[in-house]
Amino acid sequence: MERLTLLGLPLDPVDMEEALKRIGGFLQEERTHQVVTLNPEIAVRAQEDEALRRAVLEADLITPDGVGILWAVRRLHGLALKERVTGIDLTLALLRRFPGIRVYLLGGSRGWPREPPGRWNAWEAWWWASTTATSRRRPRWWRPSKRPPPTSSW
């Protein structure tokens, strides 16, 4: 299906399976690719933040992340998308589908370590990255010498 436009931004009307197939194709190529999970907050913020707008415009895949995006596509384009393809769901699905994939987590605030200590599972790494990017307080369990609480692995 061809790319849609929403608030002047491109959007690929894909479901999770289609997004995974496209990213699988990206992994076969010798160049880097950028994937954006477009949610209403990013769409609105990109109207005034030129760097964010440019990042979305240059992305190779832009997935619908958020019920507001699904609603807007149905309302403005008359197309009912099957599902949201959120950043965390897509990340976890990618790690399951392509177990050898190398992941770089970008984010953080002053005072946090540059990378998570030790080897963590995908959920722990995502939680660490999202917490580091959005919180100024360390979680209760955080001690540099201590692993986080165990989580189920898949």
C-alpha atoms as a PDB file:
ATOM      1  CA  MET A   1       0.000   0.000   0.000  1.00  0.00           C
ATOM      2  CA  GLU A   2       1.315   3.459  -0.788  1.00  0.00           C
ATOM      3  CA  ARG A   3       2.413   5.998   1.773  1.00  0.00           C
ATOM      4  CA  LEU A   4      -0.179   8.354   3.253  1.00  0.00           C
ATOM      5  CA  THR A   5       0.239  11.951   4.413  1.00  0.00           C
ATOM      6  CA  LEU A   6      -0.913  13.082   7.834  1.00  0.00           C
ATOM      7  CA  LEU A   7      -0.313  16.661   9.031  1.00  0.00           C
ATOM      8  CA  GLY A   8       2.220  17.012   6.237  1.00  0.00           C
ATOM      9  CA  LEU A   9       4.114  13.933   7.429  1.00  0.00           C
ATOM     10  CA  PRO A  10       4.425  10.594   5.655  1.00  0.00           C
ATOM     11  CA  LEU A  11       2.916   7.456   7.145  1.00  0.00           C
ATOM     12  CA  ASP A  12       3.196   3.861   5.965  1.00  0.00           C
ATOM     13  CA  PRO A  13      -0.147   2.094   6.550  1.00  0.00           C
ATOM     14  CA  VAL A  14       1.448  -1.129   7.789  1.00  0.00           C
ATOM     15  CA  ASP A  15       0.558  -3.659  10.462  1.00  0.00           C
ATOM     16  CA  MET A  16       3.151  -5.383  12.647  1.00  0.00           C
ATOM     17  CA  GLU A  17       3.790  -8.251  10.245  1.00  0.00           C
ATOM     18  CA  GLU A  18       4.315  -5.934   7.278  1.00  0.00           C
ATOM     19  CA  ALA A  19       6.634  -3.704   9.332  1.00  0.00           C
ATOM     20  CA  LEU A  20       8.698  -6.748  10.342  1.00  0.00           C
ATOM     21  CA  LYS A  21       8.934  -7.908   6.717  1.00  0.00           C
ATOM     22  CA  ARG A  22      10.092  -4.487   5.568  1.00  0.00           C
ATOM     23  CA  ILE A  23      12.672  -4.224   8.334  1.00  0.00           C
ATOM     24  CA  GLY A  24      13.836  -7.758   7.477  1.00  0.00           C
ATOM     25  CA  GLY A  25      14.495  -6.441   3.968  1.00  0.00           C
ATOM     26  CA  PHE A  26      16.365  -3.462   5.416  1.00  0.00           C
ATOM     27  CA  LEU A  27      18.623  -5.849   7.329  1.00  0.00           C
ATOM     28  CA  GLN A  28      19.679  -7.495   4.065  1.00  0.00           C
ATOM     29  CA  GLU A  29      20.975  -4.187   2.696  1.00  0.00           C
ATOM     30  CA  GLU A  30      24.390  -2.683   3.291  1.00  0.00           C
ATOM     31  CA  ARG A  31      23.119   0.712   4.408  1.00  0.00           C
ATOM     32  CA  THR A  32      21.424   2.082   7.472  1.00  0.00           C
ATOM     33  CA  HIS A  33      17.703   2.686   7.670  1.00  0.00           C
ATOM     34  CA  GLN A  34      15.612   4.801   9.956  1.00  0.00           C
ATOM     35  CA  VAL A  35      12.253   3.685  11.341  1.00  0.00           C
ATOM     36  CA  VAL A  36       9.875   6.118  13.052  1.00  0.00           C
ATOM     37  CA  THR A  37       6.842   5.068  15.057  1.00  0.00           C
ATOM     38  CA  LEU A  38       4.594   8.072  14.505  1.00  0.00           C
ATOM     39  CA  ASN A  39       2.318   8.910  17.406  1.00  0.00           C
ATOM     40  CA  PRO A  40       0.159  12.033  17.860  1.00  0.00           C
ATOM     41  CA  GLU A  41       2.738  13.725  20.092  1.00  0.00           C
ATOM     42  CA  ILE A  42       5.485  13.361  17.481  1.00  0.00           C
ATOM     43  CA  ALA A  43       3.138  14.503  14.703  1.00  0.00           C
ATOM     44  CA  VAL A  44       2.201  17.667  16.602  1.00  0.00           C
ATOM     45  CA  ARG A  45       5.720  18.401  17.821  1.00  0.00           C
ATOM     46  CA  ALA A  46       7.129  17.965  14.294  1.00  0.00           C
ATOM     47  CA  GLN A  47       5.002  20.919  13.171  1.00  0.00           C
ATOM     48  CA  GLU A  48       7.341  23.268  15.068  1.00  0.00           C
ATOM     49  CA  ASP A  49      10.523  21.220  15.545  1.00  0.00           C
ATOM     50  CA  GLU A  50      12.309  21.254  12.199  1.00  0.00           C
ATOM     51  CA  ALA A  51      14.895  18.613  13.191  1.00  0.00           C
ATOM     52  CA  LEU A  52      12.161  16.203  14.237  1.00  0.00           C
ATOM     53  CA  ARG A  53      10.182  16.949  11.077  1.00  0.00           C
ATOM     54  CA  ARG A  54      13.250  16.264   8.942  1.00  0.00           C
ATOM     55  CA  ALA A  55      13.891  12.984  10.805  1.00  0.00           C
ATOM     56  CA  VAL A  56      10.342  11.810  10.077  1.00  0.00           C
ATOM     57  CA  LEU A  57      10.514  12.920   6.440  1.00  0.00           C
ATOM     58  CA  GLU A  58      13.806  11.055   5.923  1.00  0.00           C
ATOM     59  CA  ALA A  59      12.681   7.797   7.563  1.00  0.00           C
ATOM     60  CA  ASP A  60      12.468   4.645   5.458  1.00  0.00           C
ATOM     61  CA  LEU A  61       9.507   3.318   7.426  1.00  0.00           C
ATOM     62  CA  ILE A  62       6.966   5.294   9.460  1.00  0.00           C
ATOM     63  CA  THR A  63       4.526   3.132  11.404  1.00  0.00           C
ATOM     64  CA  PRO A  64       1.192   4.176  12.960  1.00  0.00           C
ATOM     65  CA  ASP A  65       1.812   4.380  16.713  1.00  0.00           C
ATOM     66  CA  GLY A  66      -1.178   5.565  18.690  1.00  0.00           C
ATOM     67  CA  VAL A  67      -4.945   5.381  18.493  1.00  0.00           C
ATOM     68  CA  GLY A  68      -5.013   9.055  17.513  1.00  0.00           C
ATOM     69  CA  ILE A  69      -3.064   8.204  14.365  1.00  0.00           C
ATOM     70  CA  LEU A  70      -5.435   5.316  13.548  1.00  0.00           C
ATOM     71  CA  TRP A  71      -8.410   7.637  14.094  1.00  0.00           C
ATOM     72  CA  ALA A  72      -6.928  10.396  11.907  1.00  0.00           C
ATOM     73  CA  VAL A  73      -6.172   7.980   9.059  1.00  0.00           C
ATOM     74  CA  ARG A  74      -9.724   6.607   9.179  1.00  0.00           C
ATOM     75  CA  ARG A  75     -11.218  10.098   9.360  1.00  0.00           C
ATOM     76  CA  LEU A  76      -9.002  11.822   6.762  1.00  0.00           C
ATOM     77  CA  HIS A  77      -8.252   8.962   4.359  1.00  0.00           C
ATOM     78  CA  GLY A  78     -11.213   6.644   4.901  1.00  0.00           C
ATOM     79  CA  LEU A  79      -8.821   3.788   5.615  1.00  0.00           C
ATOM     80  CA  ALA A  80      -9.179   1.550   8.670  1.00  0.00           C
ATOM     81  CA  LEU A  81      -5.716   0.385   9.675  1.00  0.00           C
ATOM     82  CA  LYS A  82      -5.532  -3.039  11.338  1.00  0.00           C
ATOM     83  CA  GLU A  83      -3.424  -2.106  14.355  1.00  0.00           C
ATOM     84  CA  ARG A  84      -0.994   0.248  15.997  1.00  0.00           C
ATOM     85  CA  VAL A  85       2.675  -0.553  15.540  1.00  0.00           C
ATOM     86  CA  THR A  86       4.192   0.951  18.667  1.00  0.00           C
ATOM     87  CA  GLY A  87       7.890   1.448  19.283  1.00  0.00           C
ATOM     88  CA  ILE A  88       8.177  -1.020  22.145  1.00  0.00           C
ATOM     89  CA  ASP A  89       6.030  -3.676  20.463  1.00  0.00           C
ATOM     90  CA  LEU A  90       8.036  -3.350  17.257  1.00  0.00           C
ATOM     91  CA  THR A  91      11.351  -3.481  19.133  1.00  0.00           C
ATOM     92  CA  LEU A  92      10.391  -6.604  21.058  1.00  0.00           C
ATOM     93  CA  ALA A  93       9.024  -8.273  17.906  1.00  0.00           C
ATOM     94  CA  LEU A  94      12.266  -7.465  16.065  1.00  0.00           C
ATOM     95  CA  LEU A  95      14.367  -8.953  18.849  1.00  0.00           C
ATOM     96  CA  ARG A  96      12.240 -12.120  18.730  1.00  0.00           C
ATOM     97  CA  ARG A  97      12.223 -12.412  14.942  1.00  0.00           C
ATOM     98  CA  PHE A  98      15.923 -11.589  14.452  1.00  0.00           C
ATOM     99  CA  PRO A  99      17.700 -12.900  17.561  1.00  0.00           C
ATOM    100  CA  GLY A 100      21.204 -11.936  16.380  1.00  0.00           C
ATOM    101  CA  ILE A 101      20.314  -8.323  15.648  1.00  0.00           C
ATOM    102  CA  ARG A 102      22.506  -5.687  17.289  1.00  0.00           C
ATOM    103  CA  VAL A 103      20.616  -2.832  18.905  1.00  0.00           C
ATOM    104  CA  TYR A 104      21.825   0.633  19.829  1.00  0.00           C
ATOM    105  CA  LEU A 105      19.783   2.430  22.473  1.00  0.00           C
ATOM    106  CA  LEU A 106      19.983   6.212  22.334  1.00  0.00           C
ATOM    107  CA  GLY A 107      18.883   8.357  25.240  1.00  0.00           C
ATOM    108  CA  GLY A 108      19.828   9.365  28.712  1.00  0.00           C
ATOM    109  CA  SER A 109      20.222  12.193  31.125  1.00  0.00           C
ATOM    110  CA  ARG A 110      23.091  13.558  33.144  1.00  0.00           C
ATOM    111  CA  GLY A 111      24.288  11.257  35.909  1.00  0.00           C
ATOM    112  CA  TRP A 112      23.257   7.988  34.278  1.00  0.00           C
ATOM    113  CA  PRO A 113      25.739   5.489  32.916  1.00  0.00           C
ATOM    114  CA  ARG A 114      26.265   5.539  29.175  1.00  0.00           C
ATOM    115  CA  GLU A 115      25.233   1.913  28.754  1.00  0.00           C
ATOM    116  CA  PRO A 116      23.339  -0.602  30.877  1.00  0.00           C
ATOM    117  CA  PRO A 117      25.569  -2.788  33.019  1.00  0.00           C
ATOM    118  CA  GLY A 118      25.925  -6.432  32.015  1.00  0.00           C
ATOM    119  CA  ARG A 119      23.708  -8.368  29.603  1.00  0.00           C
ATOM    120  CA  TRP A 120      20.014  -7.718  29.976  1.00  0.00           C
ATOM    121  CA  ASN A 121      17.043  -9.102  28.188  1.00  0.00           C
ATOM    122  CA  ALA A 122      15.143  -6.895  25.730  1.00  0.00           C
ATOM    123  CA  TRP A 123      12.545  -5.670  28.205  1.00  0.00           C
ATOM    124  CA  GLU A 124      15.175  -4.642  30.738  1.00  0.00           C
ATOM    125  CA  ALA A 125      17.177  -2.800  28.078  1.00  0.00           C
ATOM    126  CA  TRP A 126      14.073  -0.990  26.799  1.00  0.00           C
ATOM    127  CA  TRP A 127      13.005  -0.083  30.326  1.00  0.00           C
ATOM    128  CA  TRP A 128      16.482   1.226  31.088  1.00  0.00           C
ATOM    129  CA  ALA A 129      16.585   3.317  27.910  1.00  0.00           C
ATOM    130  CA  SER A 130      13.095   4.764  28.366  1.00  0.00           C
ATOM    131  CA  THR A 131      13.654   5.463  32.055  1.00  0.00           C
ATOM    132  CA  THR A 132      16.989   7.104  31.397  1.00  0.00           C
ATOM    133  CA  ALA A 133      15.497   9.328  28.738  1.00  0.00           C
ATOM    134  CA  THR A 134      12.477  10.427  30.750  1.00  0.00           C
ATOM    135  CA  SER A 135      13.364  10.320  34.426  1.00  0.00           C
ATOM    136  CA  ARG A 136      15.771  12.277  36.588  1.00  0.00           C
ATOM    137  CA  ARG A 137      15.469   9.803  39.446  1.00  0.00           C
ATOM    138  CA  ARG A 138      17.086   6.425  39.527  1.00  0.00           C
ATOM    139  CA  PRO A 139      14.732   3.515  40.117  1.00  0.00           C
ATOM    140  CA  ARG A 140      14.631   2.068  43.626  1.00  0.00           C
ATOM    141  CA  TRP A 141      16.518  -1.057  42.608  1.00  0.00           C
ATOM    142  CA  TRP A 142      19.379   0.829  40.914  1.00  0.00           C
ATOM    143  CA  ARG A 143      22.826   0.157  42.294  1.00  0.00           C
ATOM    144  CA  PRO A 144      25.727  -0.033  39.816  1.00  0.00           C
ATOM    145  CA  SER A 145      26.793  -3.413  41.209  1.00  0.00           C
ATOM    146  CA  LYS A 146      23.317  -4.940  41.235  1.00  0.00           C
ATOM    147  CA  ARG A 147      21.383  -6.427  38.297  1.00  0.00           C
ATOM    148  CA  PRO A 148      17.789  -5.348  37.911  1.00  0.00           C
ATOM    149  CA  PRO A 149      15.005  -7.576  39.168  1.00  0.00           C
ATOM    150  CA  PRO A 150      14.542 -10.675  37.000  1.00  0.00           C
ATOM    151  CA  THR A 151      11.913 -10.641  34.285  1.00  0.00           C
ATOM    152  CA  SER A 152      10.562 -13.432  32.179  1.00  0.00           C
ATOM    153  CA  SER A 153      12.512 -14.129  29.024  1.00  0.00           C
ATOM    154  CA  TRP A 154      11.159 -15.391  25.718  1.00  0.00           C
END
